[in-house]
């Protein structure tokens, strides 16, 4: 714990080489990065660790490995942009597992419904923190899934207000992207993806129960053809964040099924994961 404690002192953190190599072993999607990109990612991760506070909660004990693994993944989307995109982040809060988020919904009759929903991550707007479930952050079994990238992309999306799936376009980086074109491409892809998910859901048993092995197997068989997590259908902002997860972690299916989305993400993040491979 001695190294991570220095994050809050005057000394700028320097990630030991052995710890940085450990990070790459745990995150195979970083392997295709070039030598130059690895150097820049390490420097940016050290800067991120110096700028942001890390807090463990609900009994979770932070250590050096946890902090570096989160920092490396958080910095990947802004590797060719600017860490200033994360100025709005107060810090990073880490739970050992999923946590509950209050939800509110007003139905057509005007009745307010309130409940708590388990979550693997949350990006709190208006200067709030990024909250992560460490159990979910270390889940590498689901193809294309990455809760750390997901939540930090939400914070990028929130730079100009609430998350809506249309991130801020910075003049020095995004002069070639027309916001109207971005909105048209993502809206069309979102509608198409929702229809695709609806068609798959219609093929599930009427009494579907994911705790039943046969039902879970059927779900995996059907939804395994998707290029990204079906959670993307919940909102245009979720579609953008989930697409960004796939772009960095498992880009080939996304490029095959939604090439225009892939191309805009390539232009926005100024990275080409498939080109690296």
Protein backbone atom coordinates (compact mmCIF):
# COMPACT_ATOMS: atom_id res chain seq x y z
CA UNK A 1 0.00 0.00 0.00
CA UNK A 2 2.97 2.35 0.32
CA UNK A 3 3.04 3.24 -3.37
CA UNK A 4 -0.64 4.14 -3.65
CA UNK A 5 -0.47 6.29 -0.52
CA UNK A 6 1.94 8.58 -2.38
CA UNK A 7 -0.88 9.44 -4.79
CA UNK A 8 -2.12 11.92 -2.24
CA UNK A 9 1.23 13.51 -1.45
CA UNK A 10 3.37 15.99 -3.33
CA UNK A 11 5.34 13.30 -5.13
CA UNK A 12 3.97 12.44 -8.56
CA UNK A 13 3.28 8.69 -8.80
CA UNK A 14 5.48 6.55 -11.00
CA UNK A 15 4.12 3.13 -11.88
CA UNK A 16 6.81 0.47 -11.36
CA UNK A 17 7.64 -1.46 -14.53
CA UNK A 18 6.68 -4.81 -12.98
CA UNK A 19 3.27 -3.45 -12.02
CA UNK A 20 2.76 -1.99 -15.50
CA UNK A 21 3.61 -5.35 -17.08
CA UNK A 22 1.15 -7.02 -14.70
CA UNK A 23 -1.52 -4.59 -15.93
CA UNK A 24 -0.99 -5.64 -19.54
CA UNK A 25 -1.18 -9.31 -18.59
CA UNK A 26 -4.59 -8.71 -17.03
CA UNK A 27 -5.91 -6.59 -19.91
CA UNK A 28 -5.25 -8.47 -23.17
CA UNK A 29 -6.98 -5.82 -25.31
CA UNK A 30 -4.02 -3.52 -24.51
CA UNK A 31 -1.54 -5.97 -26.03
CA UNK A 32 -1.76 -4.56 -29.63
CA UNK A 33 -0.68 -1.08 -28.48
CA UNK A 34 2.56 0.07 -30.05
CA UNK A 35 5.64 0.83 -27.96
CA UNK A 36 4.95 4.55 -28.27
CA UNK A 37 1.32 4.14 -27.28
CA UNK A 38 2.32 2.11 -24.22
CA UNK A 39 4.71 4.83 -23.10
CA UNK A 40 2.04 7.51 -23.51
CA UNK A 41 -0.61 5.40 -21.78
CA UNK A 42 1.70 4.83 -18.80
CA UNK A 43 2.49 8.54 -18.51
CA UNK A 44 -1.17 9.47 -18.79
CA UNK A 45 -2.13 6.83 -16.21
CA UNK A 46 0.43 8.26 -13.79
CA UNK A 47 -1.00 11.74 -14.37
CA UNK A 48 -4.53 10.42 -13.82
CA UNK A 49 -3.48 8.77 -10.54
CA UNK A 50 -1.93 12.05 -9.41
CA UNK A 51 -5.06 14.05 -10.23
CA UNK A 52 -7.82 11.78 -8.92
CA UNK A 53 -8.64 10.32 -5.51
CA UNK A 54 -9.38 6.61 -5.19
CA UNK A 55 -11.69 5.35 -2.44
CA UNK A 56 -12.66 1.82 -1.48
CA UNK A 57 -16.07 1.40 0.12
CA UNK A 58 -18.29 -1.32 1.60
CA UNK A 59 -15.21 -3.11 2.88
CA UNK A 60 -13.20 -2.99 -0.34
CA UNK A 61 -9.48 -2.43 0.23
CA UNK A 62 -7.69 -0.59 -2.54
CA UNK A 63 -4.21 -1.63 -3.56
CA UNK A 64 -1.67 -0.63 -6.20
CA UNK A 65 -2.88 -3.20 -8.72
CA UNK A 66 -6.49 -2.02 -8.50
CA UNK A 67 -5.57 1.64 -8.99
CA UNK A 68 -3.30 0.98 -11.97
CA UNK A 69 -5.74 -1.37 -13.70
CA UNK A 70 -8.51 1.23 -13.43
CA UNK A 71 -6.27 4.10 -14.49
CA UNK A 72 -4.98 2.30 -17.60
CA UNK A 73 -8.48 1.45 -18.79
CA UNK A 74 -9.81 4.92 -17.98
CA UNK A 75 -7.03 6.57 -19.96
CA UNK A 76 -7.34 4.37 -23.05
CA UNK A 77 -10.30 6.32 -24.56
CA UNK A 78 -8.49 9.66 -24.13
CA UNK A 79 -5.03 8.39 -25.12
CA UNK A 80 -5.01 10.48 -28.31
CA UNK A 81 -7.18 13.27 -26.89
CA UNK A 82 -6.70 14.96 -23.52
CA UNK A 83 -6.96 13.99 -19.88
CA UNK A 84 -8.78 17.31 -19.44
CA UNK A 85 -11.90 15.50 -20.64
CA UNK A 86 -11.97 14.00 -17.14
CA UNK A 87 -11.74 17.32 -15.28
CA UNK A 88 -15.36 16.82 -14.18
CA UNK A 89 -14.53 13.60 -12.31
CA UNK A 90 -14.28 14.09 -8.55
CA UNK A 91 -12.65 10.71 -8.01
CA UNK A 92 -13.09 6.96 -8.32
CA UNK A 93 -15.11 4.93 -5.80
CA UNK A 94 -14.76 1.15 -5.82
CA UNK A 95 -17.20 -1.37 -4.33
CA UNK A 96 -16.29 -5.05 -3.95
CA UNK A 97 -19.35 -6.08 -6.02
CA UNK A 98 -22.56 -4.68 -7.46
CA UNK A 99 -24.25 -1.86 -5.58
CA UNK A 100 -27.75 -0.34 -5.53
CA UNK A 101 -28.73 2.84 -7.38
CA UNK A 102 -32.06 4.61 -6.65
CA UNK A 103 -34.32 4.77 -9.71
CA UNK A 104 -37.40 6.91 -10.36
CA UNK A 105 -39.93 6.66 -13.16
CA UNK A 106 -43.21 8.45 -13.83
CA UNK A 107 -45.78 6.31 -15.67
CA UNK A 108 -48.41 7.48 -18.16
CA UNK A 109 -50.86 8.09 -15.32
CA UNK A 110 -48.43 10.41 -13.59
CA UNK A 111 -47.68 7.95 -10.79
CA UNK A 112 -44.09 8.09 -9.51
CA UNK A 113 -42.41 4.71 -9.08
CA UNK A 114 -39.23 4.42 -7.02
CA UNK A 115 -36.97 1.41 -6.61
CA UNK A 116 -33.35 0.41 -6.24
CA UNK A 117 -31.51 -1.35 -9.04
CA UNK A 118 -28.23 -3.26 -8.76
CA UNK A 119 -25.43 -1.76 -10.87
CA UNK A 120 -21.90 -2.63 -11.91
CA UNK A 121 -20.92 0.99 -12.46
CA UNK A 122 -22.19 4.55 -12.37
CA UNK A 123 -20.94 7.84 -13.75
CA UNK A 124 -22.28 10.61 -11.54
CA UNK A 125 -22.90 13.81 -13.49
CA UNK A 126 -22.15 17.42 -12.51
CA UNK A 127 -18.72 16.90 -11.03
CA UNK A 128 -19.45 13.52 -9.51
CA UNK A 129 -17.36 10.41 -9.19
CA UNK A 130 -17.06 7.27 -11.26
CA UNK A 131 -18.34 4.37 -9.16
CA UNK A 132 -17.25 0.82 -10.02
CA UNK A 133 -17.93 -2.73 -8.92
CA UNK A 134 -14.54 -4.44 -8.75
CA UNK A 135 -16.13 -7.84 -9.34
CA UNK A 136 -17.60 -6.57 -12.61
CA UNK A 137 -14.50 -4.57 -13.53
CA UNK A 138 -12.48 -7.78 -13.49
CA UNK A 139 -15.06 -9.78 -15.48
CA UNK A 140 -13.29 -10.74 -18.69
CA UNK A 141 -15.67 -13.58 -19.60
CA UNK A 142 -18.33 -11.55 -21.43
CA UNK A 143 -17.03 -10.69 -24.94
CA UNK A 144 -16.62 -6.96 -25.48
CA UNK A 145 -17.67 -6.08 -21.94
CA UNK A 146 -15.72 -3.48 -19.98
CA UNK A 147 -17.42 -1.53 -17.20
CA UNK A 148 -14.43 0.79 -16.63
CA UNK A 149 -14.31 2.04 -20.23
CA UNK A 150 -18.12 2.22 -20.23
CA UNK A 151 -18.37 4.55 -17.25
CA UNK A 152 -15.49 6.80 -18.27
CA UNK A 153 -16.98 7.19 -21.75
CA UNK A 154 -20.18 8.31 -20.01
CA UNK A 155 -18.15 11.04 -18.29
CA UNK A 156 -16.82 12.17 -21.67
CA UNK A 157 -20.41 12.26 -22.94
CA UNK A 158 -21.41 14.38 -19.90
CA UNK A 159 -18.83 17.10 -20.60
CA UNK A 160 -21.46 19.29 -22.28
CA UNK A 161 -24.42 18.36 -20.07
CA UNK A 162 -26.30 15.13 -19.43
CA UNK A 163 -25.20 12.01 -21.28
CA UNK A 164 -27.10 11.75 -24.57
CA UNK A 165 -24.85 9.71 -26.86
CA UNK A 166 -23.37 12.76 -28.59
CA UNK A 167 -20.03 13.61 -26.92
CA UNK A 168 -18.32 17.02 -27.09
CA UNK A 169 -16.43 17.67 -30.31
CA UNK A 170 -13.15 19.42 -29.60
CA UNK A 171 -11.94 21.81 -32.36
CA UNK A 172 -8.32 20.68 -32.05
CA UNK A 173 -9.24 17.01 -32.48
CA UNK A 174 -12.63 16.67 -34.17
CA UNK A 175 -12.79 19.29 -36.89
CA UNK A 176 -13.60 16.58 -39.44
CA UNK A 177 -16.67 15.28 -37.63
CA UNK A 178 -20.03 16.90 -38.35
CA UNK A 179 -22.32 16.64 -35.29
CA UNK A 180 -25.36 16.22 -37.55
CA UNK A 181 -23.72 13.26 -39.27
CA UNK A 182 -22.79 11.72 -35.90
CA UNK A 183 -26.36 12.05 -34.67
CA UNK A 184 -27.84 10.58 -37.86
CA UNK A 185 -25.48 7.57 -37.90
CA UNK A 186 -25.89 6.75 -34.22
CA UNK A 187 -29.67 7.24 -34.29
CA UNK A 188 -30.05 4.85 -37.23
CA UNK A 189 -27.75 2.27 -35.63
CA UNK A 190 -29.57 2.56 -32.31
CA UNK A 191 -32.95 1.94 -33.94
CA UNK A 192 -31.58 -1.00 -35.89
CA UNK A 193 -29.97 -2.52 -32.80
CA UNK A 194 -33.20 -2.18 -30.80
CA UNK A 195 -35.10 -4.01 -33.54
CA UNK A 196 -32.46 -6.73 -33.60
CA UNK A 197 -32.68 -7.23 -29.83
CA UNK A 198 -36.50 -7.28 -29.99
CA UNK A 199 -36.36 -10.05 -32.60
CA UNK A 200 -34.05 -12.10 -30.41
CA UNK A 201 -36.12 -11.57 -27.28
CA UNK A 202 -39.20 -12.82 -29.14
CA UNK A 203 -37.42 -16.16 -29.55
CA UNK A 204 -36.91 -16.65 -25.82
CA UNK A 205 -39.33 -18.85 -23.84
CA UNK A 206 -42.37 -16.96 -22.54
CA UNK A 207 -41.45 -18.02 -19.00
CA UNK A 208 -37.80 -17.07 -19.48
CA UNK A 209 -35.75 -17.37 -16.29
CA UNK A 210 -32.01 -16.75 -16.56
CA UNK A 211 -31.42 -18.85 -13.43
CA UNK A 212 -32.47 -21.95 -15.37
CA UNK A 213 -29.47 -23.49 -17.18
CA UNK A 214 -31.47 -24.38 -20.29
CA UNK A 215 -32.88 -20.84 -20.54
CA UNK A 216 -29.47 -19.27 -19.93
CA UNK A 217 -27.99 -21.50 -22.64
CA UNK A 218 -30.72 -20.43 -25.07
CA UNK A 219 -30.07 -16.77 -24.23
CA UNK A 220 -26.34 -17.13 -24.86
CA UNK A 221 -27.02 -18.91 -28.13
CA UNK A 222 -29.33 -16.17 -29.39
CA UNK A 223 -27.61 -13.06 -28.09
CA UNK A 224 -24.09 -14.28 -28.80
CA UNK A 225 -24.49 -13.07 -32.38
CA UNK A 226 -24.73 -9.43 -31.27
CA UNK A 227 -21.69 -7.18 -31.76
CA UNK A 228 -22.21 -5.56 -28.36
CA UNK A 229 -24.02 -5.96 -25.05
CA UNK A 230 -27.85 -5.74 -25.44
CA UNK A 231 -27.78 -3.27 -22.53
CA UNK A 232 -27.14 -0.71 -25.28
CA UNK A 233 -30.87 -0.58 -26.07
CA UNK A 234 -31.70 1.20 -22.81
CA UNK A 235 -30.85 4.71 -24.02
CA UNK A 236 -28.83 6.45 -26.78
CA UNK A 237 -26.21 7.31 -24.15
CA UNK A 238 -25.90 3.64 -23.24
CA UNK A 239 -25.63 2.72 -26.92
CA UNK A 240 -22.67 5.10 -27.29
CA UNK A 241 -20.93 3.80 -24.14
CA UNK A 242 -21.52 0.13 -25.00
CA UNK A 243 -20.36 0.69 -28.59
CA UNK A 244 -17.19 2.31 -27.19
CA UNK A 245 -16.61 -0.76 -25.01
CA UNK A 246 -16.83 -2.99 -28.06
CA UNK A 247 -14.66 -0.61 -30.11
CA UNK A 248 -11.75 -0.92 -27.68
CA UNK A 249 -12.20 -4.48 -26.42
CA UNK A 250 -13.72 -6.52 -29.28
CA UNK A 251 -13.82 -4.28 -32.36
CA UNK A 252 -14.22 -6.73 -35.26
CA UNK A 253 -17.94 -7.58 -34.78
CA UNK A 254 -18.78 -3.89 -34.32
CA UNK A 255 -16.95 -2.93 -37.50
CA UNK A 256 -18.65 -5.74 -39.41
CA UNK A 257 -22.22 -4.99 -38.30
CA UNK A 258 -22.04 -1.20 -37.83
CA UNK A 259 -19.13 0.07 -39.95
CA UNK A 260 -20.29 3.70 -39.86
CA UNK A 261 -20.40 3.65 -36.06
CA UNK A 262 -16.92 2.10 -35.98
CA UNK A 263 -15.60 4.76 -38.36
CA UNK A 264 -17.01 7.63 -36.28
CA UNK A 265 -15.55 6.15 -33.10
CA UNK A 266 -12.22 5.79 -34.90
CA UNK A 267 -12.34 9.46 -35.86
CA UNK A 268 -13.52 10.59 -32.43
CA UNK A 269 -11.02 8.66 -30.30
CA UNK A 270 -8.33 8.99 -33.00
CA UNK A 271 -7.47 5.31 -32.60
CA UNK A 272 -7.99 2.27 -34.82
CA UNK A 273 -8.02 -0.95 -32.73
CA UNK A 274 -8.44 -3.12 -35.81
CA UNK A 275 -5.56 -1.35 -37.50
CA UNK A 276 -3.36 -2.20 -34.53
CA UNK A 277 -4.28 -5.87 -34.76
